[in-house]
Amino acid sequence: MHIGYYSWKSLWRQKLLHFVNHAPKQQARFMFDKVLHDGHMVSVSILKRDSSRAIFMLREPEQSIKSLVALYRERSPQRPESTPEGATRYYVDRLQTLGRIASALGSRYFYLDAEALIDRTDATLAALSDWLSLTSPIPSEYETFALTGRRSSATPRAA
């Protein structure tokens, strides 16, 4: 949702923003948000909460850097990330941030390679479902929603 998580209030903010455009699902225990950039800080104290789960997923470096360069060349060509060198620095910085968070969490996180979702979809989703103690496994097929793929989906929009 392109927001940071600084305290428990941030979790409530995300929940309120989410439910502006979505109805709660019956028996749902978790909400999910992917935090892709260091600009959206996540407090380790939030991730250490009993009710929180941290999942780290990384893409292969070469693919990530190529993707970053393409993204920034299109949207912000003046930024350092629009060059291979700048994108590499960005990627390394992000890995260092994730490493610090993982160290602070100890064993309280789940890690997977992004490629595993493609190459070993069922086994990867089964392992994640088990780690989350879900009553039913995460399906390998999913539906898209009105805000899927939209930028700045944190801003409530009228339907």
N, C-alpha and C. Protein backbone atom coordinates (compact mmCIF):
# COMPACT_ATOMS: atom_id res chain seq x y z
N MET A 1 0.82 -1.20 0.00
CA MET A 1 0.00 0.00 0.00
C MET A 1 0.86 1.26 0.00
N HIS A 2 2.15 1.11 -0.16
CA HIS A 2 3.06 2.25 -0.23
C HIS A 2 3.02 3.10 1.04
N ILE A 3 3.01 2.41 2.18
CA ILE A 3 3.05 3.11 3.46
C ILE A 3 4.11 2.44 4.33
N GLY A 4 4.58 3.18 5.34
CA GLY A 4 5.52 2.63 6.30
C GLY A 4 4.77 2.11 7.52
N TYR A 5 5.44 1.32 8.30
CA TYR A 5 4.88 0.74 9.52
C TYR A 5 5.79 1.12 10.68
N TYR A 6 5.41 2.17 11.37
CA TYR A 6 6.25 2.72 12.43
C TYR A 6 5.82 2.26 13.82
N SER A 7 4.54 1.98 14.00
CA SER A 7 4.00 1.57 15.28
C SER A 7 2.71 0.79 15.04
N TRP A 8 2.07 0.35 16.12
CA TRP A 8 0.81 -0.37 16.00
C TRP A 8 -0.24 0.49 15.31
N LYS A 9 -0.11 1.81 15.42
CA LYS A 9 -1.06 2.70 14.75
C LYS A 9 -0.98 2.55 13.24
N SER A 10 0.21 2.28 12.74
CA SER A 10 0.37 2.08 11.30
C SER A 10 -0.39 0.84 10.83
N LEU A 11 -0.41 -0.19 11.67
CA LEU A 11 -1.16 -1.40 11.32
C LEU A 11 -2.66 -1.09 11.22
N TRP A 12 -3.16 -0.32 12.15
CA TRP A 12 -4.57 0.06 12.11
C TRP A 12 -4.87 0.93 10.91
N ARG A 13 -3.94 1.83 10.58
CA ARG A 13 -4.12 2.69 9.41
C ARG A 13 -4.24 1.85 8.15
N GLN A 14 -3.34 0.86 8.03
CA GLN A 14 -3.39 -0.01 6.85
C GLN A 14 -4.71 -0.75 6.79
N LYS A 15 -5.14 -1.25 7.92
CA LYS A 15 -6.39 -2.00 7.97
C LYS A 15 -7.56 -1.11 7.56
N LEU A 16 -7.63 0.10 8.10
CA LEU A 16 -8.71 1.01 7.75
C LEU A 16 -8.69 1.38 6.27
N LEU A 17 -7.50 1.66 5.74
CA LEU A 17 -7.39 1.98 4.31
C LEU A 17 -7.81 0.80 3.44
N HIS A 18 -7.40 -0.38 3.84
CA HIS A 18 -7.73 -1.58 3.07
C HIS A 18 -9.24 -1.79 3.01
N PHE A 19 -9.90 -1.64 4.16
CA PHE A 19 -11.33 -1.94 4.20
C PHE A 19 -12.21 -0.84 3.62
N VAL A 20 -11.61 0.25 3.16
CA VAL A 20 -12.37 1.23 2.38
C VAL A 20 -12.79 0.60 1.06
N ASN A 21 -11.92 -0.26 0.50
CA ASN A 21 -12.17 -0.85 -0.81
C ASN A 21 -12.40 -2.35 -0.81
N HIS A 22 -12.31 -3.00 0.35
CA HIS A 22 -12.44 -4.46 0.41
C HIS A 22 -13.31 -4.86 1.60
N ALA A 23 -14.09 -5.90 1.40
CA ALA A 23 -14.85 -6.47 2.51
C ALA A 23 -13.98 -7.51 3.22
N PRO A 24 -14.07 -7.60 4.53
CA PRO A 24 -13.28 -8.62 5.22
C PRO A 24 -13.73 -10.02 4.82
N LYS A 25 -12.77 -10.91 4.69
CA LYS A 25 -13.09 -12.30 4.36
C LYS A 25 -13.39 -13.05 5.64
N GLN A 26 -14.36 -13.95 5.57
CA GLN A 26 -14.69 -14.75 6.75
C GLN A 26 -13.47 -15.56 7.18
N GLN A 27 -13.26 -15.63 8.46
CA GLN A 27 -12.20 -16.42 9.10
C GLN A 27 -10.79 -15.98 8.70
N ALA A 28 -10.64 -14.82 8.10
CA ALA A 28 -9.30 -14.34 7.76
C ALA A 28 -8.57 -13.97 9.05
N ARG A 29 -7.30 -14.37 9.13
CA ARG A 29 -6.49 -14.07 10.31
C ARG A 29 -5.38 -13.09 10.01
N PHE A 30 -5.05 -12.92 8.73
CA PHE A 30 -3.91 -12.10 8.37
C PHE A 30 -4.29 -11.09 7.30
N MET A 31 -3.56 -9.99 7.31
CA MET A 31 -3.58 -9.04 6.21
C MET A 31 -2.15 -9.04 5.66
N PHE A 32 -2.02 -8.79 4.39
CA PHE A 32 -0.72 -8.86 3.74
C PHE A 32 -0.40 -7.54 3.08
N ASP A 33 0.84 -7.09 3.25
CA ASP A 33 1.32 -5.95 2.50
C ASP A 33 2.77 -6.22 2.17
N LYS A 34 3.15 -5.95 0.96
CA LYS A 34 4.56 -6.10 0.59
C LYS A 34 5.22 -4.74 0.69
N VAL A 35 6.36 -4.72 1.31
CA VAL A 35 7.11 -3.48 1.48
C VAL A 35 8.38 -3.63 0.65
N LEU A 36 8.40 -2.96 -0.49
CA LEU A 36 9.45 -3.18 -1.48
C LEU A 36 10.65 -2.26 -1.34
N HIS A 37 10.51 -1.16 -0.65
CA HIS A 37 11.56 -0.14 -0.68
C HIS A 37 11.94 0.31 0.72
N ASP A 38 13.18 0.70 0.89
CA ASP A 38 13.65 1.20 2.17
C ASP A 38 12.93 2.50 2.56
N GLY A 39 12.38 3.20 1.60
CA GLY A 39 11.65 4.43 1.89
C GLY A 39 10.38 4.19 2.70
N HIS A 40 9.93 2.95 2.76
CA HIS A 40 8.76 2.58 3.55
C HIS A 40 9.26 1.73 4.72
N MET A 41 9.61 2.40 5.78
CA MET A 41 10.22 1.75 6.94
C MET A 41 9.24 0.81 7.65
N VAL A 42 9.77 -0.29 8.16
CA VAL A 42 9.00 -1.21 8.97
C VAL A 42 9.73 -1.36 10.30
N SER A 43 9.05 -1.04 11.37
CA SER A 43 9.64 -1.16 12.70
C SER A 43 9.78 -2.63 13.07
N VAL A 44 10.95 -3.01 13.54
CA VAL A 44 11.19 -4.39 13.95
C VAL A 44 10.25 -4.75 15.11
N SER A 45 9.91 -3.77 15.94
CA SER A 45 9.00 -4.06 17.06
C SER A 45 7.64 -4.55 16.56
N ILE A 46 7.20 -4.07 15.41
CA ILE A 46 5.93 -4.54 14.82
C ILE A 46 6.10 -5.98 14.34
N LEU A 47 7.22 -6.27 13.70
CA LEU A 47 7.45 -7.61 13.18
C LEU A 47 7.64 -8.64 14.29
N LYS A 48 8.03 -8.18 15.46
CA LYS A 48 8.22 -9.10 16.59
C LYS A 48 6.93 -9.38 17.35
N ARG A 49 5.87 -8.69 17.00
CA ARG A 49 4.59 -8.93 17.66
C ARG A 49 4.13 -10.36 17.40
N ASP A 50 3.47 -10.96 18.37
CA ASP A 50 2.96 -12.32 18.20
C ASP A 50 1.99 -12.43 17.03
N SER A 51 1.29 -11.35 16.75
CA SER A 51 0.28 -11.38 15.68
C SER A 51 0.87 -11.07 14.30
N SER A 52 2.15 -10.76 14.23
CA SER A 52 2.78 -10.42 12.95
C SER A 52 3.58 -11.59 12.41
N ARG A 53 3.71 -11.63 11.09
CA ARG A 53 4.54 -12.61 10.42
C ARG A 53 5.37 -11.87 9.38
N ALA A 54 6.65 -12.17 9.34
CA ALA A 54 7.54 -11.55 8.35
C ALA A 54 7.93 -12.59 7.31
N ILE A 55 7.72 -12.25 6.07
CA ILE A 55 8.09 -13.12 4.96
C ILE A 55 9.04 -12.33 4.08
N PHE A 56 10.22 -12.90 3.84
CA PHE A 56 11.21 -12.28 2.97
C PHE A 56 11.25 -13.06 1.67
N MET A 57 11.17 -12.34 0.56
CA MET A 57 11.26 -12.99 -0.74
C MET A 57 12.18 -12.14 -1.61
N LEU A 58 13.15 -12.79 -2.19
CA LEU A 58 14.11 -12.10 -3.05
C LEU A 58 14.11 -12.70 -4.44
N ARG A 59 14.29 -11.82 -5.40
CA ARG A 59 14.51 -12.24 -6.79
C ARG A 59 16.00 -12.36 -7.02
N GLU A 60 16.33 -13.07 -8.07
CA GLU A 60 17.73 -13.18 -8.48
C GLU A 60 18.28 -11.77 -8.73
N PRO A 61 19.49 -11.47 -8.27
CA PRO A 61 20.03 -10.10 -8.38
C PRO A 61 19.99 -9.53 -9.79
N GLU A 62 20.42 -10.30 -10.77
CA GLU A 62 20.48 -9.76 -12.13
C GLU A 62 19.10 -9.32 -12.62
N GLN A 63 18.09 -10.15 -12.36
CA GLN A 63 16.74 -9.80 -12.79
C GLN A 63 16.22 -8.58 -12.03
N SER A 64 16.52 -8.52 -10.74
CA SER A 64 16.08 -7.37 -9.94
C SER A 64 16.70 -6.08 -10.43
N ILE A 65 17.98 -6.10 -10.71
CA ILE A 65 18.68 -4.90 -11.15
C ILE A 65 18.18 -4.46 -12.53
N LYS A 66 18.00 -5.40 -13.45
CA LYS A 66 17.45 -5.07 -14.76
C LYS A 66 16.06 -4.45 -14.63
N SER A 67 15.25 -5.00 -13.75
CA SER A 67 13.91 -4.49 -13.54
C SER A 67 13.94 -3.08 -12.95
N LEU A 68 14.82 -2.85 -11.99
CA LEU A 68 14.96 -1.52 -11.40
C LEU A 68 15.38 -0.49 -12.44
N VAL A 69 16.36 -0.83 -13.25
CA VAL A 69 16.83 0.10 -14.28
C VAL A 69 15.68 0.44 -15.23
N ALA A 70 14.95 -0.56 -15.68
CA ALA A 70 13.83 -0.32 -16.60
C ALA A 70 12.76 0.55 -15.94
N LEU A 71 12.43 0.26 -14.71
CA LEU A 71 11.42 1.03 -13.99
C LEU A 71 11.83 2.50 -13.84
N TYR A 72 13.05 2.73 -13.37
CA TYR A 72 13.49 4.10 -13.13
C TYR A 72 13.78 4.86 -14.42
N ARG A 73 14.22 4.18 -15.46
CA ARG A 73 14.42 4.87 -16.74
C ARG A 73 13.09 5.38 -17.28
N GLU A 74 12.03 4.62 -17.04
CA GLU A 74 10.71 5.02 -17.52
C GLU A 74 10.11 6.13 -16.65
N ARG A 75 10.20 5.98 -15.33
CA ARG A 75 9.47 6.88 -14.43
C ARG A 75 10.30 8.03 -13.88
N SER A 76 11.58 7.80 -13.64
CA SER A 76 12.44 8.83 -13.03
C SER A 76 13.86 8.73 -13.58
N PRO A 77 14.06 9.05 -14.86
CA PRO A 77 15.37 8.84 -15.49
C PRO A 77 16.50 9.66 -14.86
N GLN A 78 16.17 10.68 -14.09
CA GLN A 78 17.21 11.48 -13.43
C GLN A 78 17.75 10.81 -12.17
N ARG A 79 17.08 9.80 -11.67
CA ARG A 79 17.50 9.13 -10.43
C ARG A 79 18.65 8.18 -10.71
N PRO A 80 19.55 7.99 -9.73
CA PRO A 80 20.69 7.07 -9.91
C PRO A 80 20.26 5.64 -10.23
N GLU A 81 19.07 5.24 -9.75
CA GLU A 81 18.58 3.89 -9.98
C GLU A 81 18.29 3.60 -11.45
N SER A 82 18.30 4.62 -12.29
CA SER A 82 18.05 4.42 -13.72
C SER A 82 19.30 3.92 -14.44
N THR A 83 20.42 3.79 -13.72
CA THR A 83 21.66 3.24 -14.29
C THR A 83 21.95 1.89 -13.62
N PRO A 84 22.66 1.00 -14.29
CA PRO A 84 23.01 -0.28 -13.66
C PRO A 84 23.78 -0.09 -12.35
N GLU A 85 24.66 0.89 -12.30
CA GLU A 85 25.44 1.12 -11.08
C GLU A 85 24.53 1.58 -9.94
N GLY A 86 23.64 2.54 -10.23
CA GLY A 86 22.72 3.04 -9.21
C GLY A 86 21.74 1.99 -8.75
N ALA A 87 21.24 1.19 -9.69
CA ALA A 87 20.31 0.12 -9.33
C ALA A 87 21.01 -0.95 -8.49
N THR A 88 22.27 -1.21 -8.80
CA THR A 88 23.03 -2.19 -8.01
C THR A 88 23.22 -1.68 -6.59
N ARG A 89 23.54 -0.41 -6.43
CA ARG A 89 23.69 0.18 -5.10
C ARG A 89 22.38 0.10 -4.34
N TYR A 90 21.28 0.42 -5.00
CA TYR A 90 19.94 0.34 -4.41
C TYR A 90 19.65 -1.09 -3.93
N TYR A 91 19.95 -2.07 -4.79
CA TYR A 91 19.70 -3.47 -4.47
C TYR A 91 20.55 -3.91 -3.28
N VAL A 92 21.81 -3.56 -3.28
CA VAL A 92 22.70 -3.92 -2.17
C VAL A 92 22.23 -3.27 -0.87
N ASP A 93 21.85 -2.00 -0.94
CA ASP A 93 21.34 -1.31 0.25
C ASP A 93 20.09 -2.00 0.78
N ARG A 94 19.21 -2.41 -0.13
CA ARG A 94 17.98 -3.09 0.30
C ARG A 94 18.30 -4.43 0.95
N LEU A 95 19.25 -5.17 0.38
CA LEU A 95 19.65 -6.44 0.99
C LEU A 95 20.21 -6.23 2.39
N GLN A 96 20.99 -5.17 2.56
CA GLN A 96 21.55 -4.88 3.89
C GLN A 96 20.43 -4.56 4.89
N THR A 97 19.44 -3.80 4.46
CA THR A 97 18.31 -3.50 5.33
C THR A 97 17.57 -4.78 5.71
N LEU A 98 17.29 -5.61 4.72
CA LEU A 98 16.59 -6.87 5.00
C LEU A 98 17.42 -7.78 5.90
N GLY A 99 18.73 -7.77 5.70
CA GLY A 99 19.61 -8.56 6.56
C GLY A 99 19.57 -8.09 8.01
N ARG A 100 19.56 -6.78 8.21
CA ARG A 100 19.46 -6.24 9.59
C ARG A 100 18.13 -6.63 10.23
N ILE A 101 17.07 -6.53 9.46
CA ILE A 101 15.76 -6.91 10.00
C ILE A 101 15.74 -8.40 10.34
N ALA A 102 16.23 -9.23 9.43
CA ALA A 102 16.25 -10.68 9.67
C ALA A 102 17.09 -11.01 10.90
N SER A 103 18.22 -10.36 11.07
CA SER A 103 19.06 -10.59 12.25
C SER A 103 18.31 -10.24 13.53
N ALA A 104 17.58 -9.15 13.50
CA ALA A 104 16.83 -8.72 14.68
C ALA A 104 15.69 -9.68 14.99
N LEU A 105 15.15 -10.34 13.96
CA LEU A 105 14.02 -11.26 14.17
C LEU A 105 14.46 -12.65 14.60
N GLY A 106 15.74 -12.98 14.46
CA GLY A 106 16.18 -14.33 14.76
C GLY A 106 15.58 -15.30 13.78
N SER A 107 14.83 -16.26 14.29
CA SER A 107 14.21 -17.26 13.40
C SER A 107 12.73 -16.97 13.15
N ARG A 108 12.28 -15.78 13.45
CA ARG A 108 10.86 -15.44 13.34
C ARG A 108 10.47 -14.91 11.96
N TYR A 109 10.97 -15.50 10.92
CA TYR A 109 10.58 -15.09 9.58
C TYR A 109 10.65 -16.28 8.64
N PHE A 110 10.01 -16.12 7.49
CA PHE A 110 10.02 -17.16 6.46
C PHE A 110 10.73 -16.57 5.26
N TYR A 111 11.66 -17.31 4.70
CA TYR A 111 12.38 -16.85 3.52
C TYR A 111 12.07 -17.77 2.34
N LEU A 112 11.90 -17.15 1.17
CA LEU A 112 11.78 -17.94 -0.05
C LEU A 112 12.37 -17.17 -1.22
N ASP A 113 12.89 -17.92 -2.16
CA ASP A 113 13.36 -17.35 -3.41
C ASP A 113 12.15 -17.10 -4.29
N ALA A 114 12.09 -15.94 -4.92
CA ALA A 114 10.96 -15.62 -5.79
C ALA A 114 10.80 -16.66 -6.89
N GLU A 115 11.92 -17.15 -7.39
CA GLU A 115 11.87 -18.15 -8.47
C GLU A 115 11.19 -19.44 -8.01
N ALA A 116 11.22 -19.72 -6.71
CA ALA A 116 10.58 -20.93 -6.20
C ALA A 116 9.07 -20.88 -6.40
N LEU A 117 8.50 -19.68 -6.39
CA LEU A 117 7.06 -19.57 -6.63
C LEU A 117 6.70 -19.98 -8.05
N ILE A 118 7.64 -19.84 -8.96
CA ILE A 118 7.40 -20.23 -10.34
C ILE A 118 7.82 -21.68 -10.58
N ASP A 119 9.02 -22.04 -10.10
CA ASP A 119 9.58 -23.36 -10.37
C ASP A 119 9.00 -24.47 -9.51
N ARG A 120 8.64 -24.15 -8.28
CA ARG A 120 8.13 -25.13 -7.32
C ARG A 120 6.92 -24.54 -6.59
N THR A 121 5.95 -24.10 -7.35
CA THR A 121 4.81 -23.36 -6.81
C THR A 121 4.12 -24.10 -5.67
N ASP A 122 3.66 -25.32 -5.93
CA ASP A 122 2.86 -26.03 -4.93
C ASP A 122 3.65 -26.30 -3.66
N ALA A 123 4.88 -26.75 -3.79
CA ALA A 123 5.70 -27.05 -2.61
C ALA A 123 6.01 -25.78 -1.82
N THR A 124 6.27 -24.69 -2.53
CA THR A 124 6.58 -23.43 -1.86
C THR A 124 5.37 -22.90 -1.11
N LEU A 125 4.21 -22.92 -1.76
CA LEU A 125 2.99 -22.44 -1.10
C LEU A 125 2.59 -23.35 0.06
N ALA A 126 2.84 -24.65 -0.08
CA ALA A 126 2.53 -25.58 1.01
C ALA A 126 3.43 -25.29 2.22
N ALA A 127 4.71 -25.04 1.98
CA ALA A 127 5.63 -24.73 3.08
C ALA A 127 5.23 -23.42 3.76
N LEU A 128 4.86 -22.43 2.97
CA LEU A 128 4.43 -21.15 3.54
C LEU A 128 3.12 -21.32 4.31
N SER A 129 2.18 -22.06 3.76
CA SER A 129 0.91 -22.32 4.45
C SER A 129 1.15 -23.00 5.78
N ASP A 130 2.05 -23.97 5.79
CA ASP A 130 2.38 -24.68 7.02
C ASP A 130 3.01 -23.73 8.04
N TRP A 131 3.95 -22.89 7.60
CA TRP A 131 4.61 -21.94 8.50
C TRP A 131 3.61 -20.96 9.10
N LEU A 132 2.62 -20.56 8.33
CA LEU A 132 1.60 -19.64 8.81
C LEU A 132 0.51 -20.35 9.62
N SER A 133 0.56 -21.69 9.67
CA SER A 133 -0.44 -22.50 10.37
C SER A 133 -1.85 -22.24 9.83
N LEU A 134 -1.95 -22.18 8.52
CA LEU A 134 -3.24 -21.96 7.89
C LEU A 134 -4.07 -23.24 7.90
N THR A 135 -5.38 -23.10 8.04
CA THR A 135 -6.24 -24.28 8.04
C THR A 135 -6.41 -24.86 6.65
N SER A 136 -6.25 -24.03 5.62
CA SER A 136 -6.28 -24.53 4.25
C SER A 136 -5.08 -23.92 3.51
N PRO A 137 -4.51 -24.67 2.58
CA PRO A 137 -3.31 -24.18 1.89
C PRO A 137 -3.58 -22.96 1.01
N ILE A 138 -2.55 -22.18 0.79
CA ILE A 138 -2.63 -21.04 -0.12
C ILE A 138 -2.81 -21.60 -1.53
N PRO A 139 -3.83 -21.16 -2.24
CA PRO A 139 -4.03 -21.70 -3.60
C PRO A 139 -2.98 -21.18 -4.57
N SER A 140 -2.68 -21.99 -5.56
CA SER A 140 -1.69 -21.58 -6.57
C SER A 140 -2.31 -20.69 -7.64
N GLU A 141 -3.61 -20.57 -7.64
CA GLU A 141 -4.29 -19.68 -8.57
C GLU A 141 -4.93 -18.57 -7.76
N TYR A 142 -4.94 -17.39 -8.30
CA TYR A 142 -5.48 -16.26 -7.56
C TYR A 142 -6.26 -15.37 -8.50
N GLU A 143 -7.07 -14.53 -7.90
CA GLU A 143 -7.84 -13.58 -8.69
C GLU A 143 -7.25 -12.20 -8.52
N THR A 144 -7.49 -11.36 -9.48
CA THR A 144 -7.05 -9.97 -9.37
C THR A 144 -8.22 -9.13 -8.88
N PHE A 145 -7.89 -7.99 -8.33
CA PHE A 145 -8.90 -7.11 -7.76
C PHE A 145 -8.81 -5.74 -8.42
N ALA A 146 -9.72 -4.87 -8.06
CA ALA A 146 -9.80 -3.54 -8.68
C ALA A 146 -8.49 -2.76 -8.53
N LEU A 147 -7.78 -2.93 -7.42
CA LEU A 147 -6.56 -2.17 -7.18
C LEU A 147 -5.29 -2.95 -7.52
N THR A 148 -5.42 -4.16 -8.02
CA THR A 148 -4.25 -4.95 -8.37
C THR A 148 -3.43 -4.23 -9.43
N GLY A 149 -2.15 -4.03 -9.13
CA GLY A 149 -1.24 -3.41 -10.07
C GLY A 149 -1.31 -1.89 -10.12
N ARG A 150 -2.16 -1.29 -9.32
CA ARG A 150 -2.28 0.17 -9.32
C ARG A 150 -1.24 0.78 -8.42
N ARG A 151 -0.70 1.89 -8.84
CA ARG A 151 0.23 2.63 -8.02
C ARG A 151 -0.55 3.40 -6.96
N SER A 152 0.10 3.61 -5.82
CA SER A 152 -0.48 4.41 -4.73
C SER A 152 -1.87 3.90 -4.32
N SER A 153 -1.98 2.61 -4.15
CA SER A 153 -3.27 2.06 -3.76
C SER A 153 -3.60 2.34 -2.30
N ALA A 154 -2.70 3.01 -1.57
CA ALA A 154 -2.99 3.39 -0.19
C ALA A 154 -4.05 4.48 -0.13
N THR A 155 -4.19 5.22 -1.20
CA THR A 155 -5.15 6.30 -1.24
C THR A 155 -6.52 5.72 -1.56
N PRO A 156 -7.49 5.87 -0.66
CA PRO A 156 -8.82 5.32 -0.94
C PRO A 156 -9.41 5.94 -2.20
N ARG A 157 -10.04 5.12 -2.99
CA ARG A 157 -10.67 5.59 -4.23
C ARG A 157 -12.14 5.21 -4.19
N ALA A 158 -12.97 6.06 -4.70
CA ALA A 158 -14.38 5.75 -4.80
C ALA A 158 -14.59 4.74 -5.91
N ALA A 159 -15.50 3.83 -5.68
CA ALA A 159 -15.77 2.81 -6.69
C ALA A 159 -16.81 3.28 -7.67
